[in-house]
Protein backbone atom coordinates (compact mmCIF):
# COMPACT_ATOMS: atom_id res chain seq x y z
CA MET A 1 21.39 -209.70 -96.33
CA PHE A 2 22.04 -209.26 -100.33
CA ASN A 3 18.30 -208.44 -100.69
CA LYS A 4 18.40 -205.69 -97.95
CA ILE A 5 21.55 -203.85 -99.54
CA ILE A 6 19.27 -204.05 -102.86
CA LYS A 7 16.38 -202.73 -101.17
CA ARG A 8 18.40 -199.70 -99.45
CA GLY A 9 20.13 -199.05 -102.75
CA SER A 10 16.59 -198.71 -104.48
CA ARG A 11 14.87 -196.70 -102.06
CA LYS A 12 12.41 -194.03 -103.04
CA PRO A 13 13.40 -190.50 -102.46
CA SER A 14 11.81 -189.16 -99.30
CA LYS A 15 9.40 -186.10 -99.03
CA SER A 16 11.81 -183.40 -98.15
CA ASP A 17 13.91 -184.59 -100.98
CA VAL A 18 11.15 -184.18 -103.70
CA SER A 19 9.92 -180.92 -102.29
CA GLU A 20 13.03 -179.12 -101.55
CA PRO A 21 13.02 -175.72 -103.90
CA SER A 22 15.10 -174.37 -106.03
CA ILE A 23 18.02 -172.16 -104.84
CA PHE A 24 16.93 -169.78 -107.74
CA SER A 25 13.44 -170.56 -108.20
CA SER A 26 11.10 -167.90 -108.67
CA SER A 27 8.35 -169.72 -106.43
CA ASN A 28 10.38 -168.82 -103.52
CA SER A 29 9.16 -166.63 -100.55
CA ALA A 30 9.30 -162.73 -100.61
CA ALA A 31 10.51 -162.77 -97.24
CA THR A 32 13.53 -165.50 -97.26
CA ARG A 33 15.33 -165.84 -94.12
CA PRO A 34 18.70 -167.15 -93.27
CA SER A 35 17.25 -170.26 -91.95
CA SER A 36 15.63 -171.20 -95.62
CA THR A 37 18.92 -170.50 -97.18
CA ALA A 38 20.46 -172.52 -94.47
CA SER A 39 18.09 -175.70 -94.73
CA ALA A 40 18.66 -175.13 -99.27
CA ALA A 41 22.30 -175.42 -98.29
CA ALA A 42 21.89 -178.64 -96.64
CA ILE A 43 21.01 -180.63 -99.91
CA THR A 44 22.17 -183.70 -100.35
CA VAL A 45 23.89 -184.70 -103.92
CA ASN A 46 23.48 -187.81 -105.56
CA HIS A 47 27.14 -188.06 -107.27
CA SER A 48 25.94 -191.38 -108.96
CA SER A 49 23.59 -189.45 -111.23
CA ARG A 50 26.92 -187.19 -112.37
CA ALA A 51 27.32 -189.27 -115.35
CA ALA A 52 24.02 -188.77 -116.83
CA THR A 53 24.07 -185.10 -117.12
CA ALA A 54 24.84 -184.06 -120.63
CA SER A 55 27.13 -181.42 -119.34
CA PRO A 56 29.09 -180.29 -116.15
CA PRO A 57 27.69 -177.64 -114.14
CA PRO A 58 28.05 -174.12 -115.06
CA ILE A 59 28.58 -172.64 -111.48
CA THR A 60 31.32 -173.38 -108.88
CA SER A 61 31.14 -171.96 -105.32
CA PRO A 62 33.99 -172.22 -102.29
CA ASN A 63 31.37 -171.48 -99.92
CA SER A 64 29.33 -174.33 -98.57
CA ASN A 65 26.63 -171.84 -97.87
CA HIS A 66 26.33 -171.11 -101.39
CA PRO A 67 26.48 -174.71 -103.20
CA SER A 68 26.50 -174.87 -107.03
CA HIS A 69 23.21 -174.52 -109.16
CA VAL A 70 22.94 -177.39 -111.37
CA GLY A 71 20.22 -175.89 -113.71
CA PRO A 72 20.30 -172.64 -115.73
CA ILE A 73 19.56 -169.30 -113.83
CA GLU A 74 16.85 -167.48 -114.52
CA PRO A 75 16.32 -163.70 -114.86
CA LEU A 76 14.49 -161.74 -112.07
CA PRO A 77 12.63 -158.73 -112.44
CA LEU A 78 14.06 -155.21 -112.05
CA PHE A 79 13.20 -153.63 -109.10
CA ARG A 80 11.20 -150.72 -110.73
CA ASP A 81 8.97 -153.26 -112.09
CA VAL A 82 7.53 -154.91 -108.89
CA PRO A 83 5.93 -152.81 -105.80
CA ALA A 84 7.70 -150.89 -102.94
CA SER A 85 6.47 -154.19 -100.74
CA ASP A 86 8.11 -156.86 -102.84
CA ARG A 87 11.59 -155.47 -102.97
CA PRO A 88 13.35 -156.65 -99.91
CA GLY A 89 12.16 -160.05 -101.12
CA LEU A 90 13.43 -159.56 -104.86
CA PHE A 91 16.60 -158.22 -102.93
CA SER A 92 17.31 -161.38 -101.28
CA LYS A 93 16.83 -163.49 -104.36
CA LYS A 94 19.36 -161.57 -106.38
CA LEU A 95 21.62 -161.75 -103.26
CA LEU A 96 20.96 -165.49 -103.77
CA LEU A 97 21.74 -165.31 -107.76
CA CYS A 98 25.03 -163.53 -107.44
CA SER A 99 26.29 -166.05 -104.71
CA ALA A 100 27.29 -168.03 -107.46
CA VAL A 101 30.67 -168.17 -108.47
CA PHE A 102 31.54 -168.73 -112.15
CA ASP A 103 34.80 -170.19 -113.32
CA PHE A 104 36.59 -167.51 -115.68
CA SER A 105 39.11 -169.87 -117.21
CA ASP A 106 37.00 -170.27 -119.92
CA VAL A 107 35.39 -167.09 -121.21
CA LEU A 108 32.72 -168.72 -123.61
CA ARG A 109 31.45 -171.38 -120.77
CA SER A 110 28.08 -169.94 -119.27
CA ALA A 111 28.17 -166.90 -120.70
CA ARG A 112 25.03 -165.91 -120.58
CA GLU A 113 24.55 -166.90 -117.08
CA LYS A 114 27.56 -164.58 -116.26
CA GLU A 115 26.26 -161.51 -117.98
CA LEU A 116 23.02 -162.17 -116.20
CA LYS A 117 24.78 -162.26 -112.96
CA ARG A 118 27.26 -159.35 -114.23
CA GLN A 119 23.99 -157.18 -114.74
CA THR A 120 21.98 -158.13 -111.45
CA LEU A 121 24.98 -157.00 -109.53
CA LEU A 122 25.04 -153.53 -111.26
CA GLU A 123 21.16 -153.12 -110.47
CA LEU A 124 22.20 -154.19 -106.69
CA VAL A 125 24.72 -151.57 -106.56
CA GLU A 126 22.67 -149.00 -108.20
CA PHE A 127 19.58 -149.91 -105.70
CA VAL A 128 22.11 -149.36 -102.36
CA GLN A 129 23.51 -146.30 -103.84
CA SER A 130 20.59 -144.35 -105.04
CA GLY A 131 19.15 -145.02 -101.31
CA SER A 132 15.88 -146.59 -102.42
CA SER A 133 16.75 -149.64 -100.40
CA GLY A 134 16.56 -147.33 -97.21
CA LYS A 135 17.65 -149.02 -94.02
CA LEU A 136 17.84 -152.72 -95.00
CA PRO A 137 16.35 -155.31 -92.94
CA ASP A 138 18.97 -157.10 -90.71
CA HIS A 139 18.83 -160.54 -92.28
CA LEU A 140 19.13 -158.92 -95.76
CA GLN A 141 22.58 -157.06 -94.61
CA GLU A 142 23.44 -160.88 -93.33
CA GLU A 143 22.55 -161.97 -97.22
CA LEU A 144 24.79 -159.29 -98.57
CA ILE A 145 27.88 -159.85 -96.68
CA ARG A 146 27.26 -163.39 -97.51
CA MET A 147 27.14 -162.78 -101.05
CA VAL A 148 30.04 -160.75 -101.02
CA SER A 149 32.25 -163.83 -98.79
CA ALA A 150 31.27 -166.20 -101.42
CA ASN A 151 32.60 -163.98 -104.29
CA ILE A 152 35.57 -162.14 -102.79
CA PHE A 153 37.18 -164.84 -100.41
CA ARG A 154 39.05 -167.43 -102.29
CA CYS A 155 42.44 -169.14 -102.52
CA LEU A 156 45.00 -166.72 -104.67
CA PRO A 157 47.27 -168.12 -107.43
CA PRO A 158 50.81 -168.42 -106.68
CA SER A 159 52.47 -165.16 -107.33
CA ALA A 160 55.00 -165.40 -110.52
CA ALA A 161 58.02 -164.12 -108.26
CA SER A 162 57.10 -167.06 -105.96
CA GLU A 163 57.24 -169.71 -108.69
CA ALA A 164 60.27 -168.17 -110.47
CA THR A 165 62.04 -168.55 -107.31
CA GLY A 166 60.68 -171.48 -105.55
CA GLY A 167 58.56 -169.66 -103.18
CA GLY A 168 60.91 -167.58 -101.77
CA GLY A 169 59.93 -164.17 -103.73
CA GLY A 170 62.27 -162.67 -105.55
CA THR A 171 62.85 -159.53 -108.15
CA GLU A 172 63.39 -161.37 -111.52
CA ALA A 173 59.49 -160.91 -112.34
CA ASP A 174 58.85 -157.53 -110.71
CA ASP A 175 59.39 -155.63 -114.26
CA GLU A 176 56.87 -158.10 -115.95
CA ASP A 177 53.30 -157.04 -116.48
CA PRO A 178 51.00 -157.78 -113.46
CA TYR A 179 48.76 -160.75 -112.73
CA LEU A 180 44.92 -159.57 -113.71
CA GLU A 181 42.31 -161.44 -112.16
CA PRO A 182 40.06 -163.19 -115.00
CA SER A 183 36.96 -163.04 -112.80
CA TRP A 184 37.51 -159.07 -112.12
CA PRO A 185 34.36 -158.31 -114.38
CA HIS A 186 32.38 -159.66 -111.17
CA LEU A 187 34.70 -158.91 -108.46
CA SER A 188 34.78 -155.37 -109.28
CA ILE A 189 31.33 -154.85 -109.20
CA VAL A 190 31.05 -157.02 -105.81
CA TYR A 191 33.70 -154.62 -104.20
CA GLU A 192 31.99 -151.34 -105.17
CA LEU A 193 28.77 -153.25 -103.57
CA LEU A 194 30.39 -153.64 -100.61
CA LEU A 195 31.89 -149.96 -100.42
CA ARG A 196 28.39 -148.47 -101.30
CA TYR A 197 26.89 -150.59 -98.13
CA VAL A 198 30.14 -149.51 -96.03
CA VAL A 199 29.78 -146.05 -96.86
CA SER A 200 25.76 -145.72 -96.88
CA SER A 201 24.31 -143.43 -94.13
CA ASP A 202 21.86 -145.73 -93.90
CA THR A 203 24.04 -148.60 -92.66
CA ASP A 204 24.23 -148.94 -88.82
CA THR A 205 27.55 -150.10 -87.16
CA LYS A 206 25.80 -151.62 -84.50
CA VAL A 207 23.97 -154.35 -86.98
CA ALA A 208 26.71 -153.98 -89.37
CA LYS A 209 29.39 -155.09 -86.97
CA ARG A 210 27.80 -158.41 -86.47
CA TYR A 211 28.50 -159.53 -89.87
CA ILE A 212 31.57 -157.49 -90.76
CA ASP A 213 33.38 -158.96 -87.63
CA HIS A 214 36.65 -160.20 -86.93
CA SER A 215 36.55 -162.93 -89.09
CA PHE A 216 35.65 -161.04 -92.08
CA VAL A 217 38.25 -158.40 -91.49
CA LEU A 218 40.89 -160.94 -91.23
CA LYS A 219 39.85 -163.05 -94.61
CA PHE A 220 39.92 -159.22 -96.22
CA LEU A 221 43.50 -158.63 -95.23
CA ASP A 222 44.21 -161.98 -96.47
CA LEU A 223 43.10 -160.66 -100.25
CA PHE A 224 45.83 -157.63 -99.93
CA ASP A 225 48.38 -160.30 -101.21
CA SER A 226 46.57 -160.23 -104.73
CA GLU A 227 48.93 -159.47 -107.51
CA ASP A 228 46.02 -157.39 -108.98
CA PRO A 229 46.16 -153.80 -108.74
CA ARG A 230 43.03 -153.08 -109.26
CA GLU A 231 41.74 -155.60 -106.54
CA ARG A 232 44.21 -153.71 -104.12
CA GLU A 233 43.44 -150.39 -104.61
CA TYR A 234 39.83 -151.26 -103.91
CA LEU A 235 40.51 -153.35 -101.05
CA LYS A 236 42.61 -150.37 -99.95
CA THR A 237 39.45 -148.03 -100.25
CA ILE A 238 37.17 -150.49 -98.17
CA LEU A 239 39.44 -151.24 -95.45
CA HIS A 240 40.11 -147.52 -94.92
CA ARG A 241 36.36 -146.74 -94.83
CA ILE A 242 36.02 -149.75 -92.56
CA TYR A 243 38.57 -148.48 -90.13
CA GLY A 244 36.73 -145.00 -89.88
CA LYS A 245 33.52 -146.49 -89.62
CA PHE A 246 34.02 -149.18 -86.95
CA MET A 247 35.46 -147.94 -84.42
CA VAL A 248 35.43 -150.88 -82.76
CA HIS A 249 37.61 -152.91 -84.94
CA ARG A 250 40.44 -150.06 -85.06
CA PRO A 251 42.57 -151.80 -82.54
CA PHE A 252 41.90 -155.29 -84.18
CA ILE A 253 42.56 -154.01 -87.86
CA ARG A 254 46.07 -152.44 -86.13
CA ARG A 255 47.11 -155.68 -84.69
CA ALA A 256 46.16 -157.85 -87.39
CA ILE A 257 48.20 -155.30 -89.91
CA ASN A 258 51.23 -156.00 -87.56
CA ASN A 259 51.20 -159.45 -87.97
CA ILE A 260 51.23 -159.15 -91.86
CA PHE A 261 54.02 -157.10 -91.49
CA TYR A 262 55.82 -159.62 -89.05
CA ARG A 263 55.18 -162.37 -91.26
CA PHE A 264 56.47 -160.53 -94.14
CA ILE A 265 59.58 -159.23 -92.53
CA PHE A 266 60.60 -162.33 -90.95
CA GLU A 267 59.35 -165.07 -92.52
CA THR A 268 58.14 -164.67 -96.50
CA GLU A 269 59.47 -161.52 -97.55
CA ARG A 270 56.76 -161.81 -99.75
CA HIS A 271 53.62 -159.75 -100.25
CA SER A 272 51.90 -157.58 -102.99
CA GLY A 273 50.04 -155.67 -100.68
CA ILE A 274 52.54 -154.08 -98.35
CA GLY A 275 52.49 -150.40 -100.24
CA GLU A 276 48.42 -150.16 -99.77
CA LEU A 277 48.62 -151.39 -96.45
CA LEU A 278 51.31 -148.50 -95.51
CA GLU A 279 48.81 -146.04 -97.50
CA ILE A 280 46.24 -147.06 -95.08
CA LEU A 281 48.41 -146.58 -92.09
CA GLY A 282 49.84 -143.54 -93.37
CA SER A 283 46.44 -141.60 -92.76
CA ILE A 284 45.71 -143.34 -89.46
CA ILE A 285 49.11 -142.22 -88.11
CA ASN A 286 47.88 -138.72 -88.78
CA GLY A 287 45.67 -139.28 -86.89
CA PHE A 288 47.15 -140.31 -83.77
CA ALA A 289 46.09 -138.53 -80.28
CA LEU A 290 49.34 -136.75 -78.42
CA PRO A 291 50.52 -137.76 -76.30
CA MET A 292 51.40 -141.02 -78.15
CA LYS A 293 50.08 -144.17 -76.97
CA GLU A 294 52.93 -146.95 -76.28
CA GLU A 295 51.26 -149.32 -78.28
CA HIS A 296 51.69 -147.17 -81.50
CA LYS A 297 55.52 -146.55 -80.27
CA LEU A 298 55.97 -150.40 -80.41
CA PHE A 299 54.29 -150.90 -83.81
CA LEU A 300 57.10 -147.91 -85.04
CA VAL A 301 60.06 -150.02 -83.32
CA ARG A 302 58.64 -153.59 -84.00
CA ALA A 303 56.88 -153.37 -87.66
CA LEU A 304 58.15 -150.05 -89.26
CA ILE A 305 61.29 -149.45 -88.89
CA PRO A 306 62.21 -153.20 -89.81
CA LEU A 307 60.33 -152.86 -92.81
CA HIS A 308 63.68 -151.40 -94.19
CA LYS A 309 65.50 -154.72 -94.03
CA PRO A 310 63.58 -156.85 -96.59
CA LYS A 311 65.34 -156.54 -100.39
CA SER A 312 61.79 -155.48 -102.07
CA VAL A 313 62.16 -152.18 -100.00
CA GLY A 314 62.06 -150.07 -102.67
CA VAL A 315 58.57 -151.57 -103.87
CA TYR A 316 57.03 -149.69 -101.23
CA HIS A 317 59.68 -147.40 -99.62
CA GLN A 318 57.83 -144.32 -100.61
CA GLN A 319 54.81 -145.26 -98.38
CA LEU A 320 57.15 -146.04 -95.47
CA SER A 321 59.08 -143.27 -95.40
CA TYR A 322 55.90 -141.25 -95.04
CA CYS A 323 54.90 -143.21 -92.33
CA ILE A 324 57.96 -142.59 -90.32
CA THR A 325 58.09 -139.44 -91.01
CA GLN A 326 54.78 -138.81 -89.82
CA PHE A 327 56.01 -140.03 -86.44
CA VAL A 328 58.50 -137.89 -86.15
CA GLU A 329 56.54 -134.87 -86.98
CA LYS A 330 53.71 -136.22 -84.37
CA ASP A 331 56.39 -136.63 -81.57
CA TYR A 332 59.95 -135.39 -82.27
CA LYS A 333 61.34 -137.30 -79.36
CA LEU A 334 61.12 -140.49 -81.45
CA ALA A 335 63.62 -138.56 -83.89
CA ASP A 336 66.38 -140.67 -82.19
CA THR A 337 65.01 -143.85 -82.14
CA VAL A 338 63.98 -143.88 -86.16
CA ILE A 339 67.42 -142.56 -86.83
CA ARG A 340 69.25 -145.27 -85.15
CA GLY A 341 66.72 -147.66 -86.35
CA LEU A 342 67.43 -146.55 -90.09
CA LEU A 343 71.15 -147.08 -89.46
CA LYS A 344 70.88 -150.67 -88.14
CA TYR A 345 69.33 -151.68 -91.52
CA TRP A 346 71.70 -149.16 -93.34
CA PRO A 347 72.71 -151.39 -96.73
CA VAL A 348 76.06 -152.41 -97.35
CA THR A 349 76.39 -153.26 -100.83
CA ASN A 350 73.20 -152.17 -102.28
CA CYS A 351 73.86 -148.63 -103.48
CA GLN A 352 69.82 -148.25 -104.57
CA LYS A 353 68.88 -148.89 -101.45
CA GLU A 354 71.59 -146.33 -100.02
CA VAL A 355 70.01 -143.72 -102.17
CA MET A 356 66.48 -144.53 -100.97
CA PHE A 357 68.14 -144.36 -97.12
CA LEU A 358 69.56 -140.95 -97.43
CA GLY A 359 66.64 -139.77 -99.33
CA GLU A 360 64.52 -140.71 -96.01
CA LEU A 361 67.19 -139.72 -93.81
CA GLU A 362 66.75 -136.17 -95.04
CA GLU A 363 63.24 -135.99 -94.42
CA ILE A 364 63.51 -137.14 -91.15
CA LEU A 365 66.09 -134.46 -89.95
CA GLU A 366 64.08 -131.75 -91.17
CA ALA A 367 61.68 -132.63 -88.63
CA THR A 368 64.20 -133.31 -85.98
CA GLN A 369 65.23 -130.72 -83.16
CA ALA A 370 68.23 -129.92 -81.72
CA ALA A 371 68.13 -131.90 -78.52
CA GLU A 372 67.33 -135.12 -80.08
CA PHE A 373 69.81 -134.49 -83.03
CA GLN A 374 72.59 -134.27 -80.35
CA ARG A 375 71.82 -137.99 -79.42
CA CYS A 376 72.31 -139.51 -82.73
CA MET A 377 74.97 -137.19 -84.43
CA VAL A 378 77.81 -139.55 -83.79
CA PRO A 379 76.50 -142.70 -85.49
CA LEU A 380 74.77 -140.77 -87.81
CA PHE A 381 77.73 -138.74 -89.37
CA ARG A 382 80.05 -141.96 -88.96
CA GLN A 383 77.60 -143.57 -91.56
CA ILE A 384 77.29 -140.17 -93.78
CA LYS A 385 81.37 -140.38 -93.50
CA ARG A 386 81.36 -143.95 -95.31
CA CYS A 387 78.52 -142.64 -97.81
CA LEU A 388 80.77 -139.61 -99.03
CA ASN A 389 83.76 -141.81 -99.84
CA SER A 390 81.45 -144.27 -101.33
CA SER A 391 82.30 -144.82 -104.91
CA HIS A 392 79.07 -146.85 -105.83
CA PHE A 393 76.32 -145.44 -108.17
CA GLN A 394 73.35 -146.82 -109.85
CA PRO A 395 71.73 -146.12 -113.11
CA PRO A 396 68.25 -144.01 -112.93
CA HIS A 397 66.18 -146.51 -114.26
CA SER A 398 67.93 -149.63 -114.10
CA SER A 399 69.87 -152.07 -111.66
CA SER A 400 73.14 -151.93 -110.48
CA LEU A 401 74.07 -154.98 -112.54
CA PHE A 402 73.80 -154.82 -116.16
CA THR A 403 74.72 -156.64 -119.25
CA LYS A 404 76.52 -155.83 -122.47
CA HIS A 405 76.22 -159.09 -123.68
CA LYS A 406 75.26 -162.38 -121.95
CA SER A 407 78.67 -163.62 -122.01
CA GLN A 408 80.31 -160.24 -120.54
CA PRO A 409 78.69 -159.33 -117.17
CA PHE A 410 79.39 -155.84 -115.66
CA LEU A 411 78.91 -155.40 -112.09
CA ALA A 412 78.70 -151.60 -111.33
CA ASP A 413 79.10 -152.30 -107.48
CA SER A 414 82.68 -153.32 -108.22
CA PRO A 415 85.58 -151.20 -106.95
CA SER A 416 88.18 -152.60 -109.09
CA LEU A 417 86.58 -151.57 -112.09
CA ASP A 418 85.85 -147.68 -113.29
CA PRO A 419 82.44 -146.94 -113.46
CA ARG A 420 83.05 -144.61 -116.33
CA GLN A 421 84.29 -147.32 -118.28
CA LEU A 422 81.61 -149.20 -117.38
CA ALA A 423 79.18 -147.13 -118.48
CA VAL A 424 80.93 -146.36 -122.18
CA THR A 425 81.55 -150.21 -122.15
CA ALA A 426 77.74 -150.83 -121.88
CA GLY A 427 77.03 -148.26 -124.70
CA LEU A 428 75.67 -145.88 -122.11
CA SER A 429 76.55 -141.94 -121.69
CA GLU A 430 78.51 -140.93 -118.43
CA ASN A 431 75.65 -138.50 -118.08
CA MET A 432 72.90 -141.10 -117.73
CA TRP A 433 74.42 -142.00 -114.25
CA MET A 434 73.56 -139.59 -111.80
CA ASP A 435 72.34 -141.46 -108.54
CA TRP A 436 75.81 -141.51 -106.59
CA VAL A 437 75.40 -142.55 -103.29
CA ALA A 438 78.67 -139.92 -102.79
CA GLU A 439 76.59 -136.94 -104.51
CA ARG A 440 73.09 -137.76 -102.79
CA ALA A 441 74.83 -137.65 -99.26
CA LEU A 442 76.35 -134.51 -99.69
CA PHE A 443 72.94 -133.25 -101.34
CA LEU A 444 72.12 -133.12 -97.24
CA TRP A 445 74.11 -130.08 -97.12
CA ASN A 446 71.84 -128.05 -99.69
CA ASN A 447 68.94 -128.17 -96.63
CA ASP A 448 68.68 -125.23 -94.51
CA HIS A 449 67.48 -127.04 -91.32
CA ILE A 450 70.31 -129.32 -91.62
CA VAL A 451 72.60 -127.19 -92.24
CA SER A 452 71.94 -125.24 -89.13
CA LEU A 453 71.72 -128.39 -86.79
CA ILE A 454 75.19 -129.18 -88.37
CA ALA A 455 76.20 -125.62 -87.50
CA GLN A 456 75.29 -125.79 -84.19
CA ASN A 457 77.33 -129.33 -83.54
CA ARG A 458 80.10 -128.56 -85.62
CA SER A 459 83.16 -129.05 -83.35
CA VAL A 460 82.02 -132.76 -83.01
CA ILE A 461 80.42 -133.04 -87.01
CA PHE A 462 83.26 -131.51 -88.57
CA PRO A 463 85.96 -133.79 -87.29
CA ILE A 464 84.42 -136.71 -88.13
CA ILE A 465 83.55 -135.91 -91.86
CA PHE A 466 87.06 -133.61 -92.29
CA GLU A 467 88.88 -136.76 -93.58
CA ALA A 468 86.37 -138.13 -95.82
CA LEU A 469 86.12 -134.35 -97.70
CA GLU A 470 89.61 -134.44 -98.18
CA ARG A 471 89.82 -137.57 -99.76
CA ASN A 472 87.24 -136.78 -102.31
CA ILE A 473 89.16 -133.74 -102.94
CA GLN A 474 92.48 -135.84 -103.53
CA GLY A 475 90.82 -138.36 -105.58
CA HIS A 476 87.06 -139.03 -106.16
CA TRP A 477 86.78 -140.36 -109.71
CA ASN A 478 83.17 -138.48 -110.26
CA GLN A 479 83.42 -134.75 -111.11
CA ALA A 480 80.15 -134.01 -109.97
CA VAL A 481 80.88 -135.52 -106.34
CA HIS A 482 84.34 -133.61 -106.70
CA GLY A 483 83.00 -130.27 -106.82
CA LEU A 484 80.10 -130.86 -104.30
CA THR A 485 82.81 -131.76 -102.00
CA ALA A 486 84.60 -128.35 -102.48
CA ASN A 487 81.26 -126.59 -101.77
CA VAL A 488 81.19 -128.05 -98.39
CA ARG A 489 84.47 -127.58 -97.55
CA LYS A 490 84.35 -124.20 -98.66
CA MET A 491 81.01 -123.90 -96.19
CA PHE A 492 82.87 -125.54 -93.05
CA LEU A 493 86.15 -122.73 -93.87
CA GLU A 494 83.48 -120.05 -93.84
CA MET A 495 81.68 -121.72 -90.80
CA ASP A 496 84.48 -121.91 -88.60
CA SER A 497 88.35 -121.47 -90.13
CA GLU A 498 89.94 -122.08 -86.77
CA LEU A 499 88.37 -125.52 -86.30
CA PHE A 500 89.25 -126.10 -90.18
CA GLU A 501 92.83 -125.28 -89.95
CA GLU A 502 93.02 -127.66 -86.56
CA CYS A 503 91.27 -130.39 -88.60
CA GLN A 504 93.51 -129.71 -91.28
CA ARG A 505 96.43 -130.08 -89.28
CA GLN A 506 95.38 -133.23 -87.81
CA PHE A 507 94.29 -134.50 -90.96
CA VAL A 508 98.51 -133.99 -91.94
CA GLU A 509 99.90 -135.42 -89.47
CA LYS A 510 97.42 -138.58 -89.38
CA GLU A 511 98.59 -138.99 -93.25
CA ALA A 512 102.25 -138.62 -92.24
CA LYS A 513 101.68 -141.15 -89.53
CA SER A 514 100.17 -143.59 -92.04
CA LYS A 515 103.01 -142.70 -94.57
CA THR A 516 105.71 -143.74 -92.03
CA LEU A 517 103.99 -146.82 -90.91
CA GLN A 518 103.66 -147.96 -94.66
CA GLU A 519 107.16 -147.29 -95.17
CA GLN A 520 108.18 -148.88 -92.11
CA ARG A 521 106.15 -152.19 -93.32
CA GLU A 522 107.32 -152.32 -96.39
CA LEU A 523 110.56 -152.28 -95.12
CA ALA A 524 109.88 -155.00 -92.54
CA TRP A 525 108.59 -157.45 -95.32
CA LYS A 526 111.85 -156.60 -97.61
CA ARG A 527 114.19 -157.58 -94.59
CA LEU A 528 111.95 -160.81 -94.22
CA GLU A 529 112.35 -161.30 -97.82
CA ASP A 530 115.86 -160.81 -97.86
CA VAL A 531 116.49 -163.23 -95.12
CA ALA A 532 114.17 -166.16 -96.61
CA ALA A 533 116.13 -165.57 -99.85
CA ARG A 534 119.82 -165.78 -97.92
CA ALA A 535 118.73 -169.13 -96.39
CA ALA A 536 117.16 -170.71 -99.19
CA SER A 537 121.07 -169.87 -100.59
CA ASP A 538 122.71 -171.65 -97.74
CA ASP A 539 120.02 -174.91 -97.95
CA MET A 540 120.63 -175.01 -101.97
CA VAL A 541 121.93 -178.84 -102.87
CA VAL A 542 123.63 -178.87 -106.70
CA VAL A 543 122.71 -182.01 -108.11
CA ASN A 544 124.76 -183.07 -111.26
């Protein structure tokens, strides 16, 4: 038995092991097929021989179809230096060379091989972009997408915000410099090559859709969580081109983006590419045909409107607001649904989000017609009434929570502190604090279309907000809000003086009743105190 084990361990290599060609060998056939690369991928590595190597292999690849190359990479000839008949084979060899993925954690490691790959990628981009390649054969298109997949599909590092908050996302790291992908010198050219392939007029979608399939699209969408803004910009451009060219993938891409939004809203609340995905959707929504499909309306209700919920909405709110407005402009009947959805997620204590919501509300109301406005005007102006009396404010370039010293925090949203004193105490000028919630709400009356909608329904709207206007006139601490309130009050007076006087009379009566109730309440408490005091004196025991 022992002799048999010894013989098995020292057996001679088989002929297939001896004759296995090197992946990057220049002696490979010019017409390399996917089957040949698959056989190369099946190489058996003898792990016991790793200790005898002088240095670790300079290349690593996460893709099993592209194994690590142990030996040095040899340069290949340029396309212009070979006959046209040999260029397809050379193209395949260059793709195989570029499938190797390097470790960029050490800049000096494999510097020659990294530069060689970079130059080869640039040559591939120029070859595809110039049209010299013509219509690529099917097997070369497959190899091209396989090379791109080996380079771009990878595990993304954890975000700084996720690490700072234990994986739950956060805003502490938002102001820091973004993470930059170390392998970007190669990645950027790979993305450029993919873009040139997708937009090329020689690319037949009937053939390309076999390789740019649903699996590829899903992995591609996962990359939008990259923290590198340069990568997300490339991803946005390429996905938009794929959506435009591959019509068969359009429903699948929309559903996949929906799923990303659902996970972000209801599970993680952390994703780096929501803004870029919304930019793509903005152009997609602009191209929706009318009448709008029920699928698109459900997307609005179930995905876009709930995107107002996460704390990080400020990062992508501009793109979200554009998408929402596009829906209302496409189909005015959706205005009531959108406004009620906005009211559902209206912030209570976050003044920054309130200012953003008011800005978005103004854009939506500009596209709203009278019939839809009447359906939602009562809950809408009840919320605007609360905004008119808000004493919250935010700095133009800072958070509502600021500190002068670490030991002396000042909370800008605290109603017990005078914001003017807060600004002075923090060493800031009062003029720096411009984004008042009440002021932004009053700016709605600067929009002619909104004023016309209010004028048509003044008998309902004016009684709702009159009390808020009067309270601002009587005691709001900010002079700018005080002046804007006076202008709106004057506008209502000129619009309908009889209604104004009626509302004023009702307000005075309400204030008188409130004052009477307050006096009665105070009198009742005083009587209770007197009774309690007498009872205590009667039961008092004197101890000598």
